[in-house]
């Protein structure tokens, strides 16, 4: 370094040498702490590997107990650089589920079923659909389509349906994060709706909506290639009208869902799906 040359060869002091080359003396005296940080990193990494359940505080206490003088800020900085502060989010424990038997409600608006589906556009971007049906006559009440459908959006869709039909007594759902959220639970309690959660890993307990999902996928999602969400919505809206008003349903004895509600063939007995 030039300061060392002026000091050793010319006899200048460090102060004078720094003045001549216009170098701050603090910069000259600075010593890189890279070697020190490397030592801290190796020790922290070794402790994290040998004791995977130890957090930062326990690692830091052990380092201090061994006589090292590194302060907590340096150890914490190294700890974060190694990304040891990113812990795996624990799985949320679900309460025991005891769903009611899957039967046909005696009238409309007594019990709904809802579920999510997913697909992708031609560009590869995934989108979701929220499907809601009435278990009594298998009428599709809504198919909401978007890239993201959080619990707030689910509530909005249900409120929109309820403006026309009123709120149901029960809604059968699975254990997806949107359906077990506190936001949806508060909404259900506020409107007198009971959420009937199926047991985890048992989609057969929500068979009505699962069967509807298959029909929707075969008729729309698997039938066409979509460039954007508008195309999905443009094809889904008329399909819903056809499904409810014209498409024969085996579980209803070969009549469309809304025909059952209008009194057509009242003598038919529901056979289930």
C-alpha atoms as a PDB file:
ATOM      1  CA  UNK A   1       0.000   0.000   0.000  1.00  0.00           C
ATOM      2  CA  UNK A   2       1.228   3.541  -0.756  1.00  0.00           C
ATOM      3  CA  UNK A   3       1.027   4.618   2.906  1.00  0.00           C
ATOM      4  CA  UNK A   4       3.403   1.819   3.899  1.00  0.00           C
ATOM      5  CA  UNK A   5       5.852   2.898   1.158  1.00  0.00           C
ATOM      6  CA  UNK A   6       5.895   6.515   2.349  1.00  0.00           C
ATOM      7  CA  UNK A   7       6.280   5.440   5.951  1.00  0.00           C
ATOM      8  CA  UNK A   8       8.972   2.788   5.443  1.00  0.00           C
ATOM      9  CA  UNK A   9      10.973   4.311   2.566  1.00  0.00           C
ATOM     10  CA  UNK A  10      10.548   8.039   3.162  1.00  0.00           C
ATOM     11  CA  UNK A  11      10.236   8.089   6.927  1.00  0.00           C
ATOM     12  CA  UNK A  12       6.866   9.836   7.060  1.00  0.00           C
ATOM     13  CA  UNK A  13       4.465   9.219   9.879  1.00  0.00           C
ATOM     14  CA  UNK A  14       1.137   7.507   9.176  1.00  0.00           C
ATOM     15  CA  UNK A  15      -0.681  10.840   9.666  1.00  0.00           C
ATOM     16  CA  UNK A  16       1.579  12.673   7.163  1.00  0.00           C
ATOM     17  CA  UNK A  17       1.509   9.848   4.628  1.00  0.00           C
ATOM     18  CA  UNK A  18      -2.297   9.791   4.711  1.00  0.00           C
ATOM     19  CA  UNK A  19      -2.434  13.573   4.271  1.00  0.00           C
ATOM     20  CA  UNK A  20      -0.167  13.429   1.230  1.00  0.00           C
ATOM     21  CA  UNK A  21      -2.306  10.890  -0.616  1.00  0.00           C
ATOM     22  CA  UNK A  22      -5.565  12.332   0.820  1.00  0.00           C
ATOM     23  CA  UNK A  23      -6.579   9.086   2.528  1.00  0.00           C
ATOM     24  CA  UNK A  24      -8.715   9.049   5.662  1.00  0.00           C
ATOM     25  CA  UNK A  25      -6.775   7.564   8.542  1.00  0.00           C
ATOM     26  CA  UNK A  26      -9.786   5.563   9.626  1.00  0.00           C
ATOM     27  CA  UNK A  27      -9.836   3.897   6.235  1.00  0.00           C
ATOM     28  CA  UNK A  28      -6.119   3.113   6.562  1.00  0.00           C
ATOM     29  CA  UNK A  29      -6.570   1.576  10.014  1.00  0.00           C
ATOM     30  CA  UNK A  30      -9.610  -0.476   9.028  1.00  0.00           C
ATOM     31  CA  UNK A  31      -9.058  -4.222   9.196  1.00  0.00           C
ATOM     32  CA  UNK A  32     -11.352  -6.586   7.340  1.00  0.00           C
ATOM     33  CA  UNK A  33     -13.433  -8.773   9.597  1.00  0.00           C
ATOM     34  CA  UNK A  34     -13.976 -11.380   6.878  1.00  0.00           C
ATOM     35  CA  UNK A  35     -11.753 -13.913   8.620  1.00  0.00           C
ATOM     36  CA  UNK A  36     -13.533 -13.266  11.903  1.00  0.00           C
ATOM     37  CA  UNK A  37     -16.968 -13.658  10.313  1.00  0.00           C
ATOM     38  CA  UNK A  38     -15.798 -16.846   8.620  1.00  0.00           C
ATOM     39  CA  UNK A  39     -14.848 -18.307  11.990  1.00  0.00           C
ATOM     40  CA  UNK A  40     -18.254 -17.362  13.417  1.00  0.00           C
ATOM     41  CA  UNK A  41     -20.012 -18.849  10.381  1.00  0.00           C
ATOM     42  CA  UNK A  42     -18.188 -22.151  10.638  1.00  0.00           C
ATOM     43  CA  UNK A  43     -18.984 -22.497  14.332  1.00  0.00           C
ATOM     44  CA  UNK A  44     -22.652 -21.527  13.952  1.00  0.00           C
ATOM     45  CA  UNK A  45     -23.066 -23.893  11.007  1.00  0.00           C
ATOM     46  CA  UNK A  46     -21.447 -26.712  12.983  1.00  0.00           C
ATOM     47  CA  UNK A  47     -23.772 -26.134  15.947  1.00  0.00           C
ATOM     48  CA  UNK A  48     -26.874 -25.925  13.730  1.00  0.00           C
ATOM     49  CA  UNK A  49     -26.008 -29.245  12.073  1.00  0.00           C
ATOM     50  CA  UNK A  50     -25.232 -31.065  15.303  1.00  0.00           C
ATOM     51  CA  UNK A  51     -28.187 -29.558  17.191  1.00  0.00           C
ATOM     52  CA  UNK A  52     -30.953 -28.901  14.614  1.00  0.00           C
ATOM     53  CA  UNK A  53     -33.500 -27.978  17.310  1.00  0.00           C
ATOM     54  CA  UNK A  54     -31.373 -25.186  18.737  1.00  0.00           C
ATOM     55  CA  UNK A  55     -32.453 -21.648  17.904  1.00  0.00           C
ATOM     56  CA  UNK A  56     -30.367 -18.497  17.808  1.00  0.00           C
ATOM     57  CA  UNK A  57     -30.533 -17.790  21.529  1.00  0.00           C
ATOM     58  CA  UNK A  58     -29.301 -21.248  22.560  1.00  0.00           C
ATOM     59  CA  UNK A  59     -26.518 -21.169  19.953  1.00  0.00           C
ATOM     60  CA  UNK A  60     -25.403 -17.710  21.114  1.00  0.00           C
ATOM     61  CA  UNK A  61     -25.454 -18.726  24.791  1.00  0.00           C
ATOM     62  CA  UNK A  62     -23.313 -21.777  24.021  1.00  0.00           C
ATOM     63  CA  UNK A  63     -20.796 -19.623  22.084  1.00  0.00           C
ATOM     64  CA  UNK A  64     -20.489 -17.182  24.987  1.00  0.00           C
ATOM     65  CA  UNK A  65     -20.190 -20.044  27.468  1.00  0.00           C
ATOM     66  CA  UNK A  66     -17.221 -21.356  25.479  1.00  0.00           C
ATOM     67  CA  UNK A  67     -15.420 -18.055  26.008  1.00  0.00           C
ATOM     68  CA  UNK A  68     -15.868 -16.372  22.626  1.00  0.00           C
ATOM     69  CA  UNK A  69     -16.339 -12.602  22.819  1.00  0.00           C
ATOM     70  CA  UNK A  70     -18.424 -12.113  19.678  1.00  0.00           C
ATOM     71  CA  UNK A  71     -21.457  -9.963  20.444  1.00  0.00           C
ATOM     72  CA  UNK A  72     -25.009 -11.006  19.692  1.00  0.00           C
ATOM     73  CA  UNK A  73     -25.311  -8.688  16.665  1.00  0.00           C
ATOM     74  CA  UNK A  74     -22.440 -10.365  14.837  1.00  0.00           C
ATOM     75  CA  UNK A  75     -23.686 -13.864  15.638  1.00  0.00           C
ATOM     76  CA  UNK A  76     -27.234 -12.924  14.685  1.00  0.00           C
ATOM     77  CA  UNK A  77     -26.078 -11.489  11.347  1.00  0.00           C
ATOM     78  CA  UNK A  78     -24.193 -14.685  10.517  1.00  0.00           C
ATOM     79  CA  UNK A  79     -27.156 -16.768  11.722  1.00  0.00           C
ATOM     80  CA  UNK A  80     -29.463 -14.946   9.272  1.00  0.00           C
ATOM     81  CA  UNK A  81     -26.954 -15.098   6.407  1.00  0.00           C
ATOM     82  CA  UNK A  82     -27.013 -18.883   6.765  1.00  0.00           C
ATOM     83  CA  UNK A  83     -30.849 -18.645   6.589  1.00  0.00           C
ATOM     84  CA  UNK A  84     -31.179 -20.548   9.832  1.00  0.00           C
ATOM     85  CA  UNK A  85     -33.899 -18.116  10.918  1.00  0.00           C
ATOM     86  CA  UNK A  86     -36.268 -19.519   8.262  1.00  0.00           C
ATOM     87  CA  UNK A  87     -38.012 -22.313  10.085  1.00  0.00           C
ATOM     88  CA  UNK A  88     -40.546 -24.717   8.586  1.00  0.00           C
ATOM     89  CA  UNK A  89     -44.074 -23.606   9.381  1.00  0.00           C
ATOM     90  CA  UNK A  90     -45.698 -26.269  11.566  1.00  0.00           C
ATOM     91  CA  UNK A  91     -48.731 -28.032  10.214  1.00  0.00           C
ATOM     92  CA  UNK A  92     -52.015 -26.773  11.541  1.00  0.00           C
ATOM     93  CA  UNK A  93     -53.798 -29.352  13.625  1.00  0.00           C
ATOM     94  CA  UNK A  94     -57.380 -29.929  12.569  1.00  0.00           C
ATOM     95  CA  UNK A  95     -60.082 -30.754  15.081  1.00  0.00           C
ATOM     96  CA  UNK A  96     -61.708 -34.148  14.819  1.00  0.00           C
ATOM     97  CA  UNK A  97     -64.226 -34.229  11.993  1.00  0.00           C
ATOM     98  CA  UNK A  98     -67.552 -36.023  12.259  1.00  0.00           C
ATOM     99  CA  UNK A  99     -69.462 -35.092   9.098  1.00  0.00           C
ATOM    100  CA  UNK A 100     -73.126 -35.843   8.781  1.00  0.00           C
ATOM    101  CA  UNK A 101     -74.183 -38.653   6.429  1.00  0.00           C
ATOM    102  CA  UNK A 102     -74.339 -37.664   2.774  1.00  0.00           C
ATOM    103  CA  UNK A 103     -78.067 -37.550   2.087  1.00  0.00           C
ATOM    104  CA  UNK A 104     -80.405 -35.573  -0.152  1.00  0.00           C
ATOM    105  CA  UNK A 105     -81.871 -32.526   1.620  1.00  0.00           C
ATOM    106  CA  UNK A 106     -85.654 -32.390   1.658  1.00  0.00           C
ATOM    107  CA  UNK A 107     -85.795 -28.897   0.171  1.00  0.00           C
ATOM    108  CA  UNK A 108     -83.762 -26.185  -1.491  1.00  0.00           C
ATOM    109  CA  UNK A 109     -81.329 -23.959   0.362  1.00  0.00           C
ATOM    110  CA  UNK A 110     -80.972 -26.424   3.213  1.00  0.00           C
ATOM    111  CA  UNK A 111     -77.480 -27.582   2.361  1.00  0.00           C
ATOM    112  CA  UNK A 112     -74.879 -26.417  -0.148  1.00  0.00           C
ATOM    113  CA  UNK A 113     -71.574 -27.952  -1.152  1.00  0.00           C
ATOM    114  CA  UNK A 114     -68.527 -26.063  -2.394  1.00  0.00           C
ATOM    115  CA  UNK A 115     -65.047 -26.937  -3.538  1.00  0.00           C
ATOM    116  CA  UNK A 116     -62.074 -25.583  -5.484  1.00  0.00           C
ATOM    117  CA  UNK A 117     -60.707 -26.716  -8.822  1.00  0.00           C
ATOM    118  CA  UNK A 118     -57.516 -25.694 -10.612  1.00  0.00           C
ATOM    119  CA  UNK A 119     -56.365 -25.527 -14.229  1.00  0.00           C
ATOM    120  CA  UNK A 120     -53.917 -23.498 -16.311  1.00  0.00           C
ATOM    121  CA  UNK A 121     -53.902 -21.169 -19.288  1.00  0.00           C
ATOM    122  CA  UNK A 122     -51.936 -21.907 -22.446  1.00  0.00           C
ATOM    123  CA  UNK A 123     -49.133 -19.670 -21.113  1.00  0.00           C
ATOM    124  CA  UNK A 124     -48.823 -21.958 -18.107  1.00  0.00           C
ATOM    125  CA  UNK A 125     -50.290 -19.649 -15.476  1.00  0.00           C
ATOM    126  CA  UNK A 126     -52.608 -21.488 -13.117  1.00  0.00           C
ATOM    127  CA  UNK A 127     -56.079 -20.338 -12.148  1.00  0.00           C
ATOM    128  CA  UNK A 128     -58.720 -21.594  -9.734  1.00  0.00           C
ATOM    129  CA  UNK A 129     -62.465 -21.987  -9.713  1.00  0.00           C
ATOM    130  CA  UNK A 130     -64.771 -21.972  -6.700  1.00  0.00           C
ATOM    131  CA  UNK A 131     -67.804 -24.165  -7.389  1.00  0.00           C
ATOM    132  CA  UNK A 132     -70.965 -23.989  -5.263  1.00  0.00           C
ATOM    133  CA  UNK A 133     -74.028 -26.230  -5.709  1.00  0.00           C
ATOM    134  CA  UNK A 134     -77.297 -26.905  -3.884  1.00  0.00           C
ATOM    135  CA  UNK A 135     -77.398 -30.518  -2.675  1.00  0.00           C
ATOM    136  CA  UNK A 136     -81.178 -30.736  -3.015  1.00  0.00           C
ATOM    137  CA  UNK A 137     -81.384 -30.502  -6.800  1.00  0.00           C
ATOM    138  CA  UNK A 138     -77.654 -30.304  -7.725  1.00  0.00           C
ATOM    139  CA  UNK A 139     -78.171 -26.804  -9.108  1.00  0.00           C
ATOM    140  CA  UNK A 140     -74.931 -24.932  -9.684  1.00  0.00           C
ATOM    141  CA  UNK A 141     -75.152 -21.665  -7.757  1.00  0.00           C
ATOM    142  CA  UNK A 142     -71.828 -20.114  -8.687  1.00  0.00           C
ATOM    143  CA  UNK A 143     -68.519 -20.753 -10.410  1.00  0.00           C
ATOM    144  CA  UNK A 144     -66.048 -18.047  -9.446  1.00  0.00           C
ATOM    145  CA  UNK A 145     -62.902 -17.925 -11.597  1.00  0.00           C
ATOM    146  CA  UNK A 146     -59.660 -16.121 -10.812  1.00  0.00           C
ATOM    147  CA  UNK A 147     -55.958 -16.586 -10.193  1.00  0.00           C
ATOM    148  CA  UNK A 148     -56.426 -16.359  -6.434  1.00  0.00           C
ATOM    149  CA  UNK A 149     -59.540 -16.986  -4.356  1.00  0.00           C
ATOM    150  CA  UNK A 150     -58.822 -16.285  -0.660  1.00  0.00           C
ATOM    151  CA  UNK A 151     -61.350 -16.636   2.148  1.00  0.00           C
ATOM    152  CA  UNK A 152     -62.498 -13.034   1.717  1.00  0.00           C
ATOM    153  CA  UNK A 153     -63.408 -13.768  -1.899  1.00  0.00           C
ATOM    154  CA  UNK A 154     -65.232 -16.959  -0.905  1.00  0.00           C
ATOM    155  CA  UNK A 155     -67.361 -14.973   1.532  1.00  0.00           C
ATOM    156  CA  UNK A 156     -68.175 -12.399  -1.122  1.00  0.00           C
ATOM    157  CA  UNK A 157     -69.387 -15.111  -3.507  1.00  0.00           C
ATOM    158  CA  UNK A 158     -71.557 -16.696  -0.810  1.00  0.00           C
ATOM    159  CA  UNK A 159     -73.074 -13.318   0.080  1.00  0.00           C
ATOM    160  CA  UNK A 160     -73.884 -12.689  -3.583  1.00  0.00           C
ATOM    161  CA  UNK A 161     -75.712 -16.030  -3.785  1.00  0.00           C
ATOM    162  CA  UNK A 162     -77.520 -15.314  -0.520  1.00  0.00           C
ATOM    163  CA  UNK A 163     -78.841 -11.975  -1.821  1.00  0.00           C
ATOM    164  CA  UNK A 164     -81.033 -13.955  -4.214  1.00  0.00           C
ATOM    165  CA  UNK A 165     -81.657 -17.217  -2.347  1.00  0.00           C
ATOM    166  CA  UNK A 166     -80.966 -16.489   1.310  1.00  0.00           C
ATOM    167  CA  UNK A 167     -78.399 -18.268   3.476  1.00  0.00           C
ATOM    168  CA  UNK A 168     -78.382 -22.074   3.728  1.00  0.00           C
ATOM    169  CA  UNK A 169     -78.512 -24.022   6.957  1.00  0.00           C
ATOM    170  CA  UNK A 170     -75.284 -25.893   6.193  1.00  0.00           C
ATOM    171  CA  UNK A 171     -72.386 -25.872   3.757  1.00  0.00           C
ATOM    172  CA  UNK A 172     -70.319 -29.004   3.225  1.00  0.00           C
ATOM    173  CA  UNK A 173     -66.627 -28.278   2.582  1.00  0.00           C
ATOM    174  CA  UNK A 174     -63.224 -29.940   2.775  1.00  0.00           C
ATOM    175  CA  UNK A 175     -60.307 -28.793   4.945  1.00  0.00           C
ATOM    176  CA  UNK A 176     -58.618 -26.372   2.545  1.00  0.00           C
ATOM    177  CA  UNK A 177     -57.015 -23.263   4.096  1.00  0.00           C
ATOM    178  CA  UNK A 178     -59.810 -21.009   2.830  1.00  0.00           C
ATOM    179  CA  UNK A 179     -62.488 -23.235   4.395  1.00  0.00           C
ATOM    180  CA  UNK A 180     -60.874 -23.555   7.843  1.00  0.00           C
ATOM    181  CA  UNK A 181     -60.011 -19.858   8.132  1.00  0.00           C
ATOM    182  CA  UNK A 182     -61.256 -17.860  11.102  1.00  0.00           C
ATOM    183  CA  UNK A 183     -62.721 -15.316   8.667  1.00  0.00           C
ATOM    184  CA  UNK A 184     -65.081 -17.885   7.128  1.00  0.00           C
ATOM    185  CA  UNK A 185     -65.934 -19.326  10.539  1.00  0.00           C
ATOM    186  CA  UNK A 186     -66.901 -15.849  11.782  1.00  0.00           C
ATOM    187  CA  UNK A 187     -69.042 -15.279   8.681  1.00  0.00           C
ATOM    188  CA  UNK A 188     -70.824 -18.616   9.170  1.00  0.00           C
ATOM    189  CA  UNK A 189     -71.520 -17.948  12.844  1.00  0.00           C
ATOM    190  CA  UNK A 190     -72.773 -14.443  12.037  1.00  0.00           C
ATOM    191  CA  UNK A 191     -75.258 -15.694   9.420  1.00  0.00           C
ATOM    192  CA  UNK A 192     -76.375 -18.858  11.185  1.00  0.00           C
ATOM    193  CA  UNK A 193     -74.653 -21.201   8.744  1.00  0.00           C
ATOM    194  CA  UNK A 194     -73.068 -24.447   9.919  1.00  0.00           C
ATOM    195  CA  UNK A 195     -69.838 -25.497   8.187  1.00  0.00           C
ATOM    196  CA  UNK A 196     -69.818 -29.273   7.783  1.00  0.00           C
ATOM    197  CA  UNK A 197     -66.170 -30.251   7.229  1.00  0.00           C
ATOM    198  CA  UNK A 198     -65.414 -33.665   5.796  1.00  0.00           C
ATOM    199  CA  UNK A 199     -62.605 -35.797   7.196  1.00  0.00           C
ATOM    200  CA  UNK A 200     -59.149 -35.108   5.707  1.00  0.00           C
ATOM    201  CA  UNK A 201     -58.384 -37.317   2.728  1.00  0.00           C
ATOM    202  CA  UNK A 202     -62.023 -38.365   2.261  1.00  0.00           C
ATOM    203  CA  UNK A 203     -63.357 -36.518  -0.832  1.00  0.00           C
ATOM    204  CA  UNK A 204     -66.077 -39.194  -1.135  1.00  0.00           C
ATOM    205  CA  UNK A 205     -67.780 -37.516   1.817  1.00  0.00           C
ATOM    206  CA  UNK A 206     -68.324 -34.508  -0.435  1.00  0.00           C
ATOM    207  CA  UNK A 207     -69.465 -36.600  -3.391  1.00  0.00           C
ATOM    208  CA  UNK A 208     -72.081 -34.213  -4.820  1.00  0.00           C
ATOM    209  CA  UNK A 209     -69.643 -31.409  -5.542  1.00  0.00           C
ATOM    210  CA  UNK A 210     -66.900 -33.856  -6.575  1.00  0.00           C
ATOM    211  CA  UNK A 211     -69.229 -35.331  -9.186  1.00  0.00           C
ATOM    212  CA  UNK A 212     -70.109 -31.864 -10.404  1.00  0.00           C
ATOM    213  CA  UNK A 213     -66.408 -31.002 -10.657  1.00  0.00           C
ATOM    214  CA  UNK A 214     -65.901 -33.952 -12.966  1.00  0.00           C
ATOM    215  CA  UNK A 215     -68.699 -32.811 -15.268  1.00  0.00           C
ATOM    216  CA  UNK A 216     -67.397 -29.231 -15.365  1.00  0.00           C
ATOM    217  CA  UNK A 217     -63.882 -30.410 -16.127  1.00  0.00           C
ATOM    218  CA  UNK A 218     -64.963 -32.743 -18.917  1.00  0.00           C
ATOM    219  CA  UNK A 219     -67.305 -30.224 -20.538  1.00  0.00           C
ATOM    220  CA  UNK A 220     -65.239 -27.033 -20.189  1.00  0.00           C
ATOM    221  CA  UNK A 221     -61.768 -27.198 -18.628  1.00  0.00           C
ATOM    222  CA  UNK A 222     -60.528 -30.254 -20.539  1.00  0.00           C
ATOM    223  CA  UNK A 223     -62.423 -29.370 -23.702  1.00  0.00           C
ATOM    224  CA  UNK A 224     -60.810 -26.007 -24.542  1.00  0.00           C
ATOM    225  CA  UNK A 225     -57.485 -24.182 -24.466  1.00  0.00           C
ATOM    226  CA  UNK A 226     -57.713 -20.813 -22.737  1.00  0.00           C
ATOM    227  CA  UNK A 227     -55.611 -17.742 -23.461  1.00  0.00           C
ATOM    228  CA  UNK A 228     -56.969 -15.720 -20.529  1.00  0.00           C
ATOM    229  CA  UNK A 229     -59.576 -15.775 -17.776  1.00  0.00           C
ATOM    230  CA  UNK A 230     -62.124 -13.938 -19.896  1.00  0.00           C
ATOM    231  CA  UNK A 231     -62.337 -16.932 -22.215  1.00  0.00           C
ATOM    232  CA  UNK A 232     -62.925 -19.261 -19.268  1.00  0.00           C
ATOM    233  CA  UNK A 233     -65.721 -17.051 -17.955  1.00  0.00           C
ATOM    234  CA  UNK A 234     -67.331 -16.588 -21.382  1.00  0.00           C
ATOM    235  CA  UNK A 235     -67.624 -20.353 -21.824  1.00  0.00           C
ATOM    236  CA  UNK A 236     -68.600 -21.087 -18.226  1.00  0.00           C
ATOM    237  CA  UNK A 237     -71.545 -18.673 -17.952  1.00  0.00           C
ATOM    238  CA  UNK A 238     -73.699 -20.180 -20.753  1.00  0.00           C
ATOM    239  CA  UNK A 239     -72.661 -23.674 -19.673  1.00  0.00           C
ATOM    240  CA  UNK A 240     -74.066 -23.009 -16.186  1.00  0.00           C
ATOM    241  CA  UNK A 241     -77.386 -21.934 -17.705  1.00  0.00           C
ATOM    242  CA  UNK A 242     -77.508 -25.080 -19.837  1.00  0.00           C
ATOM    243  CA  UNK A 243     -76.567 -27.286 -16.890  1.00  0.00           C
ATOM    244  CA  UNK A 244     -79.301 -25.859 -14.657  1.00  0.00           C
ATOM    245  CA  UNK A 245     -82.126 -25.542 -17.207  1.00  0.00           C
ATOM    246  CA  UNK A 246     -81.626 -28.085 -19.984  1.00  0.00           C
ATOM    247  CA  UNK A 247     -79.080 -30.789 -19.153  1.00  0.00           C
ATOM    248  CA  UNK A 248     -80.776 -33.984 -17.858  1.00  0.00           C
ATOM    249  CA  UNK A 249     -79.459 -35.190 -14.515  1.00  0.00           C
ATOM    250  CA  UNK A 250     -79.537 -38.901 -13.713  1.00  0.00           C
ATOM    251  CA  UNK A 251     -79.828 -38.359  -9.978  1.00  0.00           C
ATOM    252  CA  UNK A 252     -83.007 -36.362 -10.633  1.00  0.00           C
ATOM    253  CA  UNK A 253     -84.583 -38.965 -12.868  1.00  0.00           C
ATOM    254  CA  UNK A 254     -83.470 -37.411 -16.148  1.00  0.00           C
ATOM    255  CA  UNK A 255     -84.653 -33.821 -15.628  1.00  0.00           C
ATOM    256  CA  UNK A 256     -82.609 -30.609 -15.234  1.00  0.00           C
ATOM    257  CA  UNK A 257     -81.982 -29.261 -11.727  1.00  0.00           C
ATOM    258  CA  UNK A 258     -84.324 -26.270 -11.943  1.00  0.00           C
ATOM    259  CA  UNK A 259     -87.106 -28.389 -13.397  1.00  0.00           C
ATOM    260  CA  UNK A 260     -87.259 -30.226 -10.081  1.00  0.00           C
ATOM    261  CA  UNK A 261     -87.810 -26.966  -8.228  1.00  0.00           C
ATOM    262  CA  UNK A 262     -90.491 -25.773 -10.615  1.00  0.00           C
ATOM    263  CA  UNK A 263     -92.648 -28.783  -9.833  1.00  0.00           C
ATOM    264  CA  UNK A 264     -92.000 -30.846 -12.969  1.00  0.00           C
ATOM    265  CA  UNK A 265     -92.268 -34.578 -12.245  1.00  0.00           C
ATOM    266  CA  UNK A 266     -92.720 -34.126  -8.519  1.00  0.00           C
ATOM    267  CA  UNK A 267     -93.365 -37.831  -8.156  1.00  0.00           C
ATOM    268  CA  UNK A 268     -89.743 -38.653  -9.003  1.00  0.00           C
ATOM    269  CA  UNK A 269     -87.702 -40.069  -6.148  1.00  0.00           C
ATOM    270  CA  UNK A 270     -84.134 -38.802  -5.757  1.00  0.00           C
ATOM    271  CA  UNK A 271     -81.700 -41.658  -6.127  1.00  0.00           C
ATOM    272  CA  UNK A 272     -78.464 -39.847  -5.217  1.00  0.00           C
ATOM    273  CA  UNK A 273     -75.179 -39.843  -7.183  1.00  0.00           C
END
